Amino acid sequence: MKELEERIKRDGRVLGSEVLKVDSFLTHQVDPELMEAIGRVFADAFKREKITKVVTIEASGIAPALYTAQILGVPMVFARKSKSITMDEELLTSEVYSFTKQVTSQVSISRKFLTSEDNVLIIDDFLANGQAAKGLIELCEQAGAKVAGVGIVIEKSFQTGRALLEDEGMRVVSLARIAGFSNGQVEFAEGDA
């Protein structure tokens, strides 16, 4: 997605050899026009899949997932990283390792929001090692839901996430694929949107 790549070039900051900071438009402050455009691309890519729910993980996946769900006309459900006192019903739970935060979190979704009738599209902000998407797939499987695919805003193609998901038979659509970082600049890979 050229618009996203241009925004990454303009406003993204490379931190070290494996981290890209995009807090000015995706992970802290959100550009709603860009998120709507992202949602349209994901909705178009998965329009034939008869999606019934869009699933993501809090917090940075919520904006692109919500726009995707709105365009598809389906609910968006997000896995929570911490259990609130209002979550007193049966929960689907999975462990997820965050590459950026270097921590493992238990994420959960109330069982009432995912069922065996659902055909799910998973949306997330980044794909690095694939653990967040894998955890969300596990939650869907616990509910008996089918996962139609995984939509990723920014993929670090030099890491193992895509291979992990594709080895499990997942269709992965990434809007910006990063081949690596060189001299503080982002190098993009070919493929996907």
N, C-alpha and C. Protein backbone atom coordinates (compact mmCIF):
# COMPACT_ATOMS: atom_id res chain seq x y z
N MET A 1 0.86 -1.17 0.00
CA MET A 1 0.00 0.00 0.00
C MET A 1 0.91 1.23 0.00
N LYS A 2 0.95 1.89 -1.11
CA LYS A 2 1.88 3.00 -1.31
C LYS A 2 1.68 4.12 -0.29
N GLU A 3 0.42 4.45 0.00
CA GLU A 3 0.15 5.53 0.97
C GLU A 3 0.78 5.20 2.33
N LEU A 4 0.67 3.96 2.76
CA LEU A 4 1.25 3.54 4.04
C LEU A 4 2.78 3.57 3.97
N GLU A 5 3.36 3.07 2.89
CA GLU A 5 4.81 3.09 2.75
C GLU A 5 5.35 4.51 2.79
N GLU A 6 4.66 5.43 2.12
CA GLU A 6 5.09 6.83 2.13
C GLU A 6 5.02 7.42 3.53
N ARG A 7 3.98 7.04 4.28
CA ARG A 7 3.84 7.55 5.65
C ARG A 7 4.94 6.99 6.55
N ILE A 8 5.28 5.72 6.35
CA ILE A 8 6.38 5.12 7.12
C ILE A 8 7.69 5.84 6.81
N LYS A 9 7.94 6.09 5.53
CA LYS A 9 9.17 6.80 5.14
C LYS A 9 9.23 8.19 5.76
N ARG A 10 8.09 8.88 5.76
CA ARG A 10 8.04 10.26 6.24
C ARG A 10 8.07 10.36 7.77
N ASP A 11 7.27 9.51 8.45
CA ASP A 11 7.08 9.69 9.89
C ASP A 11 7.60 8.56 10.76
N GLY A 12 8.00 7.44 10.17
CA GLY A 12 8.52 6.33 10.96
C GLY A 12 9.95 6.61 11.41
N ARG A 13 10.30 6.04 12.56
CA ARG A 13 11.67 6.19 13.05
C ARG A 13 12.25 4.81 13.31
N VAL A 14 13.40 4.56 12.74
CA VAL A 14 14.09 3.29 12.94
C VAL A 14 14.88 3.36 14.24
N LEU A 15 14.64 2.38 15.11
CA LEU A 15 15.35 2.29 16.39
C LEU A 15 16.13 0.99 16.39
N GLY A 16 17.42 1.07 16.22
CA GLY A 16 18.24 -0.14 16.19
C GLY A 16 18.08 -0.88 14.88
N SER A 17 18.31 -2.19 14.93
CA SER A 17 18.28 -2.99 13.70
C SER A 17 16.96 -3.72 13.48
N GLU A 18 16.02 -3.66 14.45
CA GLU A 18 14.79 -4.45 14.29
C GLU A 18 13.52 -3.73 14.71
N VAL A 19 13.59 -2.47 15.12
CA VAL A 19 12.40 -1.79 15.65
C VAL A 19 12.08 -0.56 14.80
N LEU A 20 10.80 -0.44 14.45
CA LEU A 20 10.30 0.72 13.72
C LEU A 20 9.25 1.39 14.59
N LYS A 21 9.44 2.67 14.88
CA LYS A 21 8.51 3.43 15.70
C LYS A 21 7.57 4.21 14.79
N VAL A 22 6.27 3.93 14.91
CA VAL A 22 5.25 4.59 14.09
C VAL A 22 4.16 5.17 15.00
N ASP A 23 4.60 5.75 16.10
CA ASP A 23 3.65 6.23 17.10
C ASP A 23 2.90 7.50 16.68
N SER A 24 3.34 8.18 15.63
CA SER A 24 2.66 9.40 15.22
C SER A 24 1.42 9.14 14.37
N PHE A 25 1.22 7.88 13.91
CA PHE A 25 0.04 7.61 13.09
C PHE A 25 -0.62 6.25 13.33
N LEU A 26 0.02 5.36 14.12
CA LEU A 26 -0.55 4.02 14.29
C LEU A 26 -0.57 3.52 15.73
N THR A 27 0.55 3.61 16.44
CA THR A 27 0.63 2.91 17.72
C THR A 27 0.42 3.79 18.96
N HIS A 28 0.29 5.09 18.80
CA HIS A 28 0.01 5.96 19.95
C HIS A 28 -1.01 7.02 19.52
N GLN A 29 -0.63 7.81 18.56
CA GLN A 29 -1.57 8.73 17.92
C GLN A 29 -2.04 8.03 16.65
N VAL A 30 -3.34 8.13 16.35
CA VAL A 30 -3.90 7.41 15.21
C VAL A 30 -4.40 8.39 14.16
N ASP A 31 -4.01 8.16 12.90
CA ASP A 31 -4.51 8.92 11.77
C ASP A 31 -5.77 8.23 11.25
N PRO A 32 -6.96 8.78 11.52
CA PRO A 32 -8.19 8.09 11.14
C PRO A 32 -8.37 7.94 9.63
N GLU A 33 -7.89 8.88 8.85
CA GLU A 33 -8.04 8.77 7.40
C GLU A 33 -7.18 7.63 6.87
N LEU A 34 -5.95 7.51 7.37
CA LEU A 34 -5.09 6.41 6.96
C LEU A 34 -5.68 5.08 7.43
N MET A 35 -6.22 5.03 8.66
CA MET A 35 -6.81 3.79 9.17
C MET A 35 -8.02 3.37 8.35
N GLU A 36 -8.81 4.34 7.91
CA GLU A 36 -9.95 4.01 7.06
C GLU A 36 -9.47 3.44 5.73
N ALA A 37 -8.44 4.03 5.15
CA ALA A 37 -7.88 3.51 3.89
C ALA A 37 -7.34 2.09 4.09
N ILE A 38 -6.67 1.86 5.21
CA ILE A 38 -6.16 0.52 5.54
C ILE A 38 -7.32 -0.45 5.67
N GLY A 39 -8.38 -0.04 6.39
CA GLY A 39 -9.56 -0.88 6.54
C GLY A 39 -10.17 -1.26 5.21
N ARG A 40 -10.20 -0.33 4.27
CA ARG A 40 -10.77 -0.62 2.94
C ARG A 40 -9.93 -1.66 2.19
N VAL A 41 -8.61 -1.55 2.29
CA VAL A 41 -7.75 -2.51 1.61
C VAL A 41 -7.95 -3.92 2.19
N PHE A 42 -7.98 -4.02 3.53
CA PHE A 42 -8.21 -5.34 4.14
C PHE A 42 -9.59 -5.87 3.79
N ALA A 43 -10.61 -5.03 3.86
CA ALA A 43 -11.97 -5.47 3.54
C ALA A 43 -12.05 -5.97 2.11
N ASP A 44 -11.39 -5.27 1.19
CA ASP A 44 -11.39 -5.69 -0.21
C ASP A 44 -10.65 -7.02 -0.38
N ALA A 45 -9.53 -7.18 0.33
CA ALA A 45 -8.73 -8.41 0.19
C ALA A 45 -9.48 -9.64 0.70
N PHE A 46 -10.38 -9.46 1.68
CA PHE A 46 -11.06 -10.60 2.28
C PHE A 46 -12.57 -10.59 2.05
N LYS A 47 -13.05 -9.80 1.07
CA LYS A 47 -14.49 -9.65 0.85
C LYS A 47 -15.20 -10.94 0.45
N ARG A 48 -14.51 -11.87 -0.15
CA ARG A 48 -15.14 -13.12 -0.59
C ARG A 48 -15.17 -14.18 0.51
N GLU A 49 -14.60 -13.89 1.66
CA GLU A 49 -14.45 -14.89 2.72
C GLU A 49 -15.65 -14.99 3.66
N LYS A 50 -16.65 -14.15 3.49
CA LYS A 50 -17.84 -14.18 4.37
C LYS A 50 -17.45 -14.04 5.84
N ILE A 51 -16.67 -13.02 6.12
CA ILE A 51 -16.19 -12.74 7.48
C ILE A 51 -17.38 -12.38 8.37
N THR A 52 -17.41 -12.93 9.59
CA THR A 52 -18.46 -12.59 10.56
C THR A 52 -17.92 -11.78 11.72
N LYS A 53 -16.61 -11.84 11.97
CA LYS A 53 -16.00 -11.06 13.05
C LYS A 53 -14.57 -10.70 12.64
N VAL A 54 -14.15 -9.51 13.06
CA VAL A 54 -12.76 -9.11 12.95
C VAL A 54 -12.18 -9.14 14.36
N VAL A 55 -11.06 -9.83 14.53
CA VAL A 55 -10.45 -10.00 15.85
C VAL A 55 -9.06 -9.39 15.85
N THR A 56 -8.72 -8.71 16.94
CA THR A 56 -7.40 -8.12 17.12
C THR A 56 -7.00 -8.23 18.58
N ILE A 57 -5.85 -7.66 18.90
CA ILE A 57 -5.35 -7.63 20.27
C ILE A 57 -5.16 -6.17 20.65
N GLU A 58 -5.47 -5.85 21.92
CA GLU A 58 -5.27 -4.45 22.32
C GLU A 58 -3.79 -4.13 22.37
N ALA A 59 -3.36 -2.96 22.07
CA ALA A 59 -4.14 -1.78 21.83
C ALA A 59 -3.98 -1.30 20.38
N SER A 60 -2.80 -1.42 19.81
CA SER A 60 -2.54 -0.80 18.50
C SER A 60 -3.25 -1.47 17.33
N GLY A 61 -3.74 -2.67 17.51
CA GLY A 61 -4.49 -3.31 16.43
C GLY A 61 -5.93 -2.85 16.34
N ILE A 62 -6.41 -2.16 17.38
CA ILE A 62 -7.83 -1.80 17.43
C ILE A 62 -8.24 -0.86 16.31
N ALA A 63 -7.48 0.19 16.04
CA ALA A 63 -7.88 1.16 15.01
C ALA A 63 -8.02 0.52 13.62
N PRO A 64 -7.00 -0.17 13.10
CA PRO A 64 -7.19 -0.77 11.77
C PRO A 64 -8.26 -1.87 11.78
N ALA A 65 -8.38 -2.59 12.87
CA ALA A 65 -9.40 -3.65 12.94
C ALA A 65 -10.80 -3.05 12.94
N LEU A 66 -10.99 -1.96 13.66
CA LEU A 66 -12.31 -1.34 13.73
C LEU A 66 -12.76 -0.82 12.37
N TYR A 67 -11.86 -0.16 11.65
CA TYR A 67 -12.23 0.32 10.31
C TYR A 67 -12.51 -0.83 9.35
N THR A 68 -11.73 -1.89 9.47
CA THR A 68 -11.97 -3.06 8.62
C THR A 68 -13.34 -3.65 8.92
N ALA A 69 -13.66 -3.80 10.20
CA ALA A 69 -14.95 -4.35 10.61
C ALA A 69 -16.10 -3.46 10.13
N GLN A 70 -15.93 -2.16 10.25
CA GLN A 70 -16.98 -1.23 9.83
C GLN A 70 -17.26 -1.40 8.34
N ILE A 71 -16.21 -1.47 7.54
CA ILE A 71 -16.39 -1.59 6.10
C ILE A 71 -16.99 -2.94 5.73
N LEU A 72 -16.61 -4.00 6.46
CA LEU A 72 -17.19 -5.32 6.22
C LEU A 72 -18.59 -5.45 6.80
N GLY A 73 -18.97 -4.54 7.70
CA GLY A 73 -20.29 -4.58 8.31
C GLY A 73 -20.44 -5.68 9.36
N VAL A 74 -19.34 -5.93 10.10
CA VAL A 74 -19.35 -6.98 11.12
C VAL A 74 -18.77 -6.42 12.42
N PRO A 75 -18.99 -7.11 13.56
CA PRO A 75 -18.39 -6.65 14.82
C PRO A 75 -16.88 -6.86 14.84
N MET A 76 -16.23 -6.02 15.66
CA MET A 76 -14.81 -6.18 15.94
C MET A 76 -14.68 -6.59 17.40
N VAL A 77 -13.85 -7.59 17.65
CA VAL A 77 -13.61 -8.09 19.00
C VAL A 77 -12.11 -7.97 19.26
N PHE A 78 -11.75 -7.44 20.45
CA PHE A 78 -10.32 -7.40 20.75
C PHE A 78 -10.00 -8.21 21.99
N ALA A 79 -8.88 -8.92 21.91
CA ALA A 79 -8.38 -9.68 23.05
C ALA A 79 -7.78 -8.69 24.03
N ARG A 80 -8.12 -8.88 25.28
CA ARG A 80 -7.62 -8.00 26.33
C ARG A 80 -6.38 -8.59 26.96
N LYS A 81 -5.44 -7.70 27.31
CA LYS A 81 -4.19 -8.14 27.93
C LYS A 81 -4.29 -8.23 29.44
N SER A 82 -5.32 -7.64 29.99
CA SER A 82 -5.53 -7.75 31.43
C SER A 82 -7.01 -7.96 31.69
N LYS A 83 -7.30 -8.75 32.69
CA LYS A 83 -8.69 -9.08 33.01
C LYS A 83 -9.26 -8.00 33.93
N SER A 84 -10.41 -7.46 33.55
CA SER A 84 -11.07 -6.48 34.41
C SER A 84 -12.07 -7.20 35.30
N ILE A 85 -12.54 -6.52 36.33
CA ILE A 85 -13.50 -7.15 37.24
C ILE A 85 -14.84 -7.41 36.58
N THR A 86 -15.10 -6.76 35.45
CA THR A 86 -16.37 -6.98 34.75
C THR A 86 -16.33 -8.23 33.87
N MET A 87 -15.14 -8.78 33.65
CA MET A 87 -15.02 -10.00 32.84
C MET A 87 -15.19 -11.20 33.75
N ASP A 88 -16.46 -11.48 34.09
CA ASP A 88 -16.75 -12.56 35.02
C ASP A 88 -17.29 -13.82 34.33
N GLU A 89 -17.37 -13.79 33.02
CA GLU A 89 -17.87 -14.94 32.28
C GLU A 89 -16.71 -15.85 31.85
N GLU A 90 -17.06 -16.93 31.20
CA GLU A 90 -16.04 -17.88 30.74
C GLU A 90 -15.17 -17.22 29.68
N LEU A 91 -13.86 -17.38 29.84
CA LEU A 91 -12.92 -16.72 28.95
C LEU A 91 -12.14 -17.73 28.11
N LEU A 92 -11.83 -17.30 26.90
CA LEU A 92 -10.87 -17.99 26.05
C LEU A 92 -9.54 -17.31 26.35
N THR A 93 -8.48 -18.06 26.62
CA THR A 93 -7.20 -17.44 26.97
C THR A 93 -6.05 -18.06 26.19
N SER A 94 -5.03 -17.24 25.98
CA SER A 94 -3.83 -17.69 25.28
C SER A 94 -2.66 -16.82 25.74
N GLU A 95 -1.44 -17.36 25.64
CA GLU A 95 -0.25 -16.59 25.99
C GLU A 95 0.36 -16.03 24.72
N VAL A 96 0.78 -14.76 24.80
CA VAL A 96 1.33 -14.05 23.65
C VAL A 96 2.61 -13.34 24.06
N TYR A 97 3.67 -13.57 23.30
CA TYR A 97 4.94 -12.89 23.54
C TYR A 97 5.01 -11.65 22.65
N SER A 98 5.32 -10.51 23.24
CA SER A 98 5.47 -9.27 22.49
C SER A 98 6.94 -9.03 22.18
N PHE A 99 7.28 -8.98 20.89
CA PHE A 99 8.65 -8.72 20.47
C PHE A 99 9.10 -7.34 20.94
N THR A 100 8.23 -6.34 20.78
CA THR A 100 8.59 -4.97 21.10
C THR A 100 8.75 -4.75 22.61
N LYS A 101 7.82 -5.32 23.37
CA LYS A 101 7.86 -5.11 24.83
C LYS A 101 8.69 -6.15 25.56
N GLN A 102 9.05 -7.24 24.86
CA GLN A 102 9.87 -8.30 25.45
C GLN A 102 9.20 -8.92 26.69
N VAL A 103 7.87 -9.08 26.64
CA VAL A 103 7.13 -9.70 27.73
C VAL A 103 6.09 -10.66 27.17
N THR A 104 5.71 -11.63 28.00
CA THR A 104 4.63 -12.55 27.66
C THR A 104 3.39 -12.13 28.43
N SER A 105 2.27 -12.01 27.74
CA SER A 105 1.01 -11.62 28.36
C SER A 105 -0.02 -12.71 28.12
N GLN A 106 -0.92 -12.85 29.07
CA GLN A 106 -2.07 -13.72 28.85
C GLN A 106 -3.17 -12.83 28.29
N VAL A 107 -3.69 -13.19 27.12
CA VAL A 107 -4.76 -12.42 26.50
C VAL A 107 -6.05 -13.22 26.56
N SER A 108 -7.15 -12.51 26.59
CA SER A 108 -8.43 -13.22 26.71
C SER A 108 -9.55 -12.51 25.97
N ILE A 109 -10.51 -13.33 25.56
CA ILE A 109 -11.75 -12.87 24.93
C ILE A 109 -12.87 -13.64 25.61
N SER A 110 -13.95 -12.94 25.91
CA SER A 110 -15.11 -13.62 26.48
C SER A 110 -15.66 -14.62 25.47
N ARG A 111 -15.93 -15.83 25.92
CA ARG A 111 -16.43 -16.89 25.06
C ARG A 111 -17.72 -16.49 24.34
N LYS A 112 -18.48 -15.59 24.92
CA LYS A 112 -19.76 -15.20 24.30
C LYS A 112 -19.58 -14.41 23.00
N PHE A 113 -18.36 -13.90 22.75
CA PHE A 113 -18.14 -13.10 21.55
C PHE A 113 -17.53 -13.87 20.37
N LEU A 114 -17.14 -15.12 20.58
CA LEU A 114 -16.63 -15.97 19.49
C LEU A 114 -17.29 -17.33 19.60
N THR A 115 -17.82 -17.82 18.46
CA THR A 115 -18.48 -19.12 18.47
C THR A 115 -18.04 -19.94 17.27
N SER A 116 -18.49 -21.17 17.24
CA SER A 116 -18.17 -22.06 16.12
C SER A 116 -18.85 -21.60 14.83
N GLU A 117 -19.75 -20.66 14.91
CA GLU A 117 -20.42 -20.12 13.72
C GLU A 117 -19.59 -19.01 13.05
N ASP A 118 -18.55 -18.55 13.73
CA ASP A 118 -17.81 -17.40 13.23
C ASP A 118 -16.72 -17.76 12.23
N ASN A 119 -16.57 -16.87 11.25
CA ASN A 119 -15.50 -16.92 10.27
C ASN A 119 -14.72 -15.62 10.47
N VAL A 120 -13.52 -15.74 11.02
CA VAL A 120 -12.79 -14.61 11.58
C VAL A 120 -11.68 -14.12 10.65
N LEU A 121 -11.52 -12.80 10.63
CA LEU A 121 -10.37 -12.15 10.04
C LEU A 121 -9.59 -11.53 11.18
N ILE A 122 -8.33 -11.92 11.32
CA ILE A 122 -7.45 -11.35 12.35
C ILE A 122 -6.70 -10.17 11.74
N ILE A 123 -6.70 -9.05 12.46
CA ILE A 123 -5.98 -7.85 12.02
C ILE A 123 -5.02 -7.46 13.13
N ASP A 124 -3.77 -7.12 12.76
CA ASP A 124 -2.83 -6.62 13.76
C ASP A 124 -1.95 -5.56 13.14
N ASP A 125 -1.34 -4.74 14.01
CA ASP A 125 -0.52 -3.63 13.53
C ASP A 125 0.81 -4.10 12.97
N PHE A 126 1.50 -5.02 13.67
CA PHE A 126 2.81 -5.50 13.24
C PHE A 126 2.85 -7.02 13.19
N LEU A 127 3.66 -7.55 12.30
CA LEU A 127 4.01 -8.97 12.28
C LEU A 127 5.52 -9.05 12.35
N ALA A 128 6.03 -9.62 13.44
CA ALA A 128 7.47 -9.83 13.60
C ALA A 128 7.71 -11.33 13.73
N ASN A 129 7.51 -11.84 14.94
CA ASN A 129 7.73 -13.28 15.14
C ASN A 129 6.45 -14.09 15.05
N GLY A 130 5.31 -13.44 14.89
CA GLY A 130 4.04 -14.12 14.68
C GLY A 130 3.31 -14.57 15.93
N GLN A 131 3.85 -14.25 17.08
CA GLN A 131 3.25 -14.77 18.32
C GLN A 131 1.90 -14.16 18.64
N ALA A 132 1.69 -12.88 18.37
CA ALA A 132 0.39 -12.26 18.63
C ALA A 132 -0.68 -12.90 17.75
N ALA A 133 -0.40 -13.02 16.46
CA ALA A 133 -1.38 -13.64 15.55
C ALA A 133 -1.62 -15.09 15.93
N LYS A 134 -0.56 -15.80 16.29
CA LYS A 134 -0.71 -17.21 16.70
C LYS A 134 -1.60 -17.32 17.94
N GLY A 135 -1.40 -16.42 18.90
CA GLY A 135 -2.25 -16.42 20.10
C GLY A 135 -3.70 -16.16 19.76
N LEU A 136 -3.96 -15.24 18.83
CA LEU A 136 -5.33 -14.95 18.42
C LEU A 136 -5.95 -16.13 17.68
N ILE A 137 -5.16 -16.80 16.87
CA ILE A 137 -5.64 -18.01 16.18
C ILE A 137 -6.03 -19.06 17.21
N GLU A 138 -5.21 -19.23 18.25
CA GLU A 138 -5.52 -20.19 19.32
C GLU A 138 -6.84 -19.85 20.01
N LEU A 139 -7.09 -18.57 20.27
CA LEU A 139 -8.36 -18.17 20.89
C LEU A 139 -9.54 -18.55 19.99
N CYS A 140 -9.39 -18.29 18.69
CA CYS A 140 -10.46 -18.63 17.74
C CYS A 140 -10.68 -20.14 17.70
N GLU A 141 -9.60 -20.90 17.70
CA GLU A 141 -9.72 -22.36 17.68
C GLU A 141 -10.40 -22.88 18.94
N GLN A 142 -10.11 -22.27 20.10
CA GLN A 142 -10.78 -22.67 21.34
C GLN A 142 -12.29 -22.50 21.24
N ALA A 143 -12.72 -21.47 20.51
CA ALA A 143 -14.15 -21.20 20.33
C ALA A 143 -14.76 -22.05 19.22
N GLY A 144 -13.91 -22.75 18.45
CA GLY A 144 -14.40 -23.51 17.31
C GLY A 144 -14.60 -22.65 16.08
N ALA A 145 -14.16 -21.40 16.13
CA ALA A 145 -14.31 -20.49 14.99
C ALA A 145 -13.25 -20.80 13.93
N LYS A 146 -13.59 -20.48 12.68
CA LYS A 146 -12.66 -20.65 11.56
C LYS A 146 -11.92 -19.32 11.35
N VAL A 147 -10.64 -19.39 11.07
CA VAL A 147 -9.86 -18.19 10.76
C VAL A 147 -9.63 -18.14 9.25
N ALA A 148 -10.18 -17.12 8.61
CA ALA A 148 -10.08 -16.99 7.15
C ALA A 148 -8.74 -16.42 6.72
N GLY A 149 -8.09 -15.67 7.61
CA GLY A 149 -6.82 -15.09 7.25
C GLY A 149 -6.36 -14.08 8.28
N VAL A 150 -5.16 -13.54 8.02
CA VAL A 150 -4.54 -12.58 8.92
C VAL A 150 -4.14 -11.36 8.09
N GLY A 151 -4.60 -10.20 8.51
CA GLY A 151 -4.23 -8.94 7.87
C GLY A 151 -3.25 -8.19 8.76
N ILE A 152 -2.13 -7.79 8.20
CA ILE A 152 -1.07 -7.13 8.96
C ILE A 152 -0.81 -5.75 8.34
N VAL A 153 -0.77 -4.72 9.18
CA VAL A 153 -0.49 -3.39 8.66
C VAL A 153 0.97 -3.31 8.22
N ILE A 154 1.90 -3.66 9.12
CA ILE A 154 3.34 -3.58 8.79
C ILE A 154 3.99 -4.91 9.15
N GLU A 155 4.60 -5.55 8.17
CA GLU A 155 5.29 -6.82 8.38
C GLU A 155 6.80 -6.62 8.31
N LYS A 156 7.49 -7.18 9.27
CA LYS A 156 8.95 -7.23 9.21
C LYS A 156 9.30 -8.54 8.53
N SER A 157 9.48 -8.50 7.23
CA SER A 157 9.70 -9.70 6.43
C SER A 157 11.01 -10.40 6.76
N PHE A 158 11.92 -9.70 7.42
CA PHE A 158 13.20 -10.31 7.80
C PHE A 158 13.08 -11.14 9.07
N GLN A 159 11.90 -11.18 9.67
CA GLN A 159 11.67 -12.03 10.84
C GLN A 159 10.76 -13.19 10.46
N THR A 160 10.51 -14.10 11.36
CA THR A 160 9.92 -15.40 11.03
C THR A 160 8.40 -15.48 11.09
N GLY A 161 7.71 -14.38 11.38
CA GLY A 161 6.27 -14.42 11.59
C GLY A 161 5.46 -14.96 10.43
N ARG A 162 5.72 -14.48 9.22
CA ARG A 162 4.94 -14.93 8.06
C ARG A 162 5.11 -16.43 7.85
N ALA A 163 6.33 -16.92 7.93
CA ALA A 163 6.57 -18.36 7.73
C ALA A 163 5.82 -19.18 8.77
N LEU A 164 5.83 -18.72 10.02
CA LEU A 164 5.12 -19.42 11.08
C LEU A 164 3.63 -19.54 10.77
N LEU A 165 3.03 -18.44 10.34
CA LEU A 165 1.59 -18.43 10.03
C LEU A 165 1.27 -19.23 8.77
N GLU A 166 2.07 -19.05 7.74
CA GLU A 166 1.82 -19.78 6.50
C GLU A 166 2.03 -21.28 6.68
N ASP A 167 2.98 -21.67 7.54
CA ASP A 167 3.18 -23.09 7.83
C ASP A 167 1.95 -23.70 8.49
N GLU A 168 1.15 -22.87 9.16
CA GLU A 168 -0.09 -23.33 9.77
C GLU A 168 -1.27 -23.21 8.81
N GLY A 169 -0.99 -22.87 7.55
CA GLY A 169 -2.03 -22.80 6.53
C GLY A 169 -2.78 -21.48 6.49
N MET A 170 -2.26 -20.46 7.13
CA MET A 170 -2.93 -19.16 7.17
C MET A 170 -2.60 -18.34 5.93
N ARG A 171 -3.61 -17.68 5.42
CA ARG A 171 -3.41 -16.66 4.38
C ARG A 171 -3.03 -15.37 5.09
N VAL A 172 -1.90 -14.77 4.69
CA VAL A 172 -1.41 -13.54 5.31
C VAL A 172 -1.37 -12.45 4.25
N VAL A 173 -2.00 -11.31 4.57
CA VAL A 173 -1.97 -10.14 3.70
C VAL A 173 -1.36 -9.00 4.49
N SER A 174 -0.21 -8.50 4.03
CA SER A 174 0.47 -7.38 4.68
C SER A 174 0.42 -6.16 3.76
N LEU A 175 0.21 -4.99 4.37
CA LEU A 175 0.09 -3.78 3.57
C LEU A 175 1.42 -3.09 3.31
N ALA A 176 2.38 -3.27 4.21
CA ALA A 176 3.74 -2.77 4.01
C ALA A 176 4.68 -3.85 4.52
N ARG A 177 5.56 -4.33 3.66
CA ARG A 177 6.52 -5.37 4.03
C ARG A 177 7.91 -4.77 4.08
N ILE A 178 8.53 -4.86 5.24
CA ILE A 178 9.86 -4.29 5.44
C ILE A 178 10.91 -5.39 5.27
N ALA A 179 11.84 -5.15 4.36
CA ALA A 179 12.92 -6.10 4.13
C ALA A 179 14.03 -5.95 5.16
N GLY A 180 14.19 -4.73 5.68
CA GLY A 180 15.22 -4.47 6.68
C GLY A 180 15.42 -2.99 6.85
N PHE A 181 16.39 -2.66 7.69
CA PHE A 181 16.72 -1.27 7.95
C PHE A 181 18.19 -1.06 7.62
N SER A 182 18.48 0.04 6.93
CA SER A 182 19.86 0.34 6.57
C SER A 182 20.12 1.82 6.78
N ASN A 183 21.11 2.12 7.61
CA ASN A 183 21.48 3.51 7.90
C ASN A 183 20.28 4.34 8.36
N GLY A 184 19.43 3.74 9.20
CA GLY A 184 18.27 4.46 9.72
C GLY A 184 17.13 4.60 8.75
N GLN A 185 17.22 3.93 7.60
CA GLN A 185 16.18 4.00 6.58
C GLN A 185 15.48 2.65 6.47
N VAL A 186 14.20 2.70 6.08
CA VAL A 186 13.42 1.48 5.88
C VAL A 186 13.57 1.01 4.45
N GLU A 187 13.86 -0.28 4.29
CA GLU A 187 13.91 -0.89 2.95
C GLU A 187 12.68 -1.79 2.83
N PHE A 188 11.89 -1.57 1.80
CA PHE A 188 10.64 -2.32 1.63
C PHE A 188 10.86 -3.54 0.76
N ALA A 189 10.09 -4.59 1.06
CA ALA A 189 10.09 -5.82 0.28
C ALA A 189 8.89 -5.77 -0.66
N GLU A 190 8.95 -6.56 -1.69
CA GLU A 190 7.83 -6.68 -2.64
C GLU A 190 6.76 -7.60 -2.07
N GLY A 191 5.56 -7.46 -2.57
CA GLY A 191 4.50 -8.41 -2.23
C GLY A 191 3.33 -7.79 -1.50
N ASP A 192 2.22 -8.52 -1.49
CA ASP A 192 0.95 -8.15 -0.86
C ASP A 192 0.48 -6.78 -1.36
N ALA A 193 -0.32 -6.12 -0.51
CA ALA A 193 -0.94 -4.86 -0.94
C ALA A 193 0.12 -3.83 -1.01
